[in-house]
């Protein structure tokens, strides 16, 4: 998770995926609406990148695991996702 692609967020719609040392796969412990989680992580990764210093940004798994996210109920996630989509 370094260089120009550091902090990029993607949504995998396949049953499985192959990752390497430059990719971190997240699997939520709680119930998330997929698109809500995607948009939330885009914002959180941008904030994390702002904290990283140096010529080549590097987001380690330790930095990403330290991010705390308050999770609203699924209904609230759906409402918020709808609002976000209207703004895009």
Protein backbone atom coordinates (compact mmCIF):
# COMPACT_ATOMS: atom_id res chain seq x y z
CA UNK A 1 0.00 0.00 0.00
CA UNK A 2 2.54 2.48 -1.17
CA UNK A 3 3.29 4.98 -3.91
CA UNK A 4 0.70 6.40 -6.28
CA UNK A 5 -1.85 3.70 -5.47
CA UNK A 6 -1.58 4.03 -1.67
CA UNK A 7 -5.02 4.48 -0.16
CA UNK A 8 -6.96 3.35 -3.23
CA UNK A 9 -10.22 1.67 -2.25
CA UNK A 10 -11.99 -0.93 -4.39
CA UNK A 11 -15.05 -3.09 -3.94
CA UNK A 12 -14.59 -6.76 -4.82
CA UNK A 13 -17.80 -8.34 -6.09
CA UNK A 14 -16.22 -11.74 -6.70
CA UNK A 15 -16.32 -14.64 -4.26
CA UNK A 16 -12.54 -14.51 -3.81
CA UNK A 17 -9.52 -12.44 -4.76
CA UNK A 18 -5.76 -12.73 -4.90
CA UNK A 19 -3.77 -10.18 -2.91
CA UNK A 20 -0.08 -9.49 -2.40
CA UNK A 21 2.09 -7.42 -0.06
CA UNK A 22 0.84 -4.19 -1.68
CA UNK A 23 -2.86 -4.99 -1.18
CA UNK A 24 -4.83 -5.21 2.04
CA UNK A 25 -8.17 -7.03 1.96
CA UNK A 26 -10.73 -6.05 4.59
CA UNK A 27 -13.60 -8.19 5.76
CA UNK A 28 -15.97 -6.45 8.19
CA UNK A 29 -16.84 -8.10 11.50
CA UNK A 30 -20.18 -6.33 11.66
CA UNK A 31 -22.96 -5.83 9.15
CA UNK A 32 -22.13 -3.20 6.57
CA UNK A 33 -23.84 -2.13 3.41
CA UNK A 34 -21.10 -2.66 0.80
CA UNK A 35 -21.34 0.76 -0.85
CA UNK A 36 -21.55 2.56 2.50
CA UNK A 37 -18.35 0.83 3.61
CA UNK A 38 -16.71 1.67 0.27
CA UNK A 39 -17.48 5.40 0.56
CA UNK A 40 -16.52 5.46 4.23
CA UNK A 41 -13.15 3.83 3.51
CA UNK A 42 -12.46 6.29 0.68
CA UNK A 43 -12.71 9.13 3.21
CA UNK A 44 -10.72 7.30 5.90
CA UNK A 45 -7.90 6.41 3.48
CA UNK A 46 -7.69 10.04 2.35
CA UNK A 47 -7.35 11.13 5.99
CA UNK A 48 -4.68 8.46 6.60
CA UNK A 49 -2.72 9.58 3.52
CA UNK A 50 -2.68 13.13 4.84
CA UNK A 51 -0.90 11.85 7.97
CA UNK A 52 1.74 9.87 6.06
CA UNK A 53 4.94 11.77 5.36
CA UNK A 54 7.63 11.32 2.75
CA UNK A 55 8.01 11.35 -1.02
CA UNK A 56 6.37 7.96 -1.47
CA UNK A 57 3.27 7.48 0.70
CA UNK A 58 3.21 4.17 2.55
CA UNK A 59 0.14 2.92 4.40
CA UNK A 60 1.01 -0.09 6.50
CA UNK A 61 -1.49 -2.62 7.78
CA UNK A 62 -0.73 -1.28 11.27
CA UNK A 63 -1.83 2.24 10.29
CA UNK A 64 -5.00 0.97 8.62
CA UNK A 65 -5.89 -1.36 11.52
CA UNK A 66 -5.61 1.59 13.92
CA UNK A 67 -8.47 3.42 12.16
CA UNK A 68 -11.59 3.35 14.33
CA UNK A 69 -14.94 3.57 12.56
CA UNK A 70 -18.28 4.15 14.27
CA UNK A 71 -20.84 1.96 12.55
CA UNK A 72 -24.42 3.21 12.20
CA UNK A 73 -27.31 0.75 11.93
CA UNK A 74 -27.91 -0.78 8.49
CA UNK A 75 -30.95 1.46 7.88
CA UNK A 76 -28.84 4.57 8.55
CA UNK A 77 -26.12 3.23 6.25
CA UNK A 78 -28.71 2.84 3.49
CA UNK A 79 -30.00 6.39 4.00
CA UNK A 80 -26.47 7.84 4.04
CA UNK A 81 -25.45 5.86 0.95
CA UNK A 82 -28.48 7.21 -0.91
CA UNK A 83 -27.53 10.76 0.04
CA UNK A 84 -23.93 10.24 -1.05
CA UNK A 85 -25.03 8.82 -4.41
CA UNK A 86 -27.23 11.86 -5.00
CA UNK A 87 -24.17 14.13 -4.57
CA UNK A 88 -21.90 12.20 -6.96
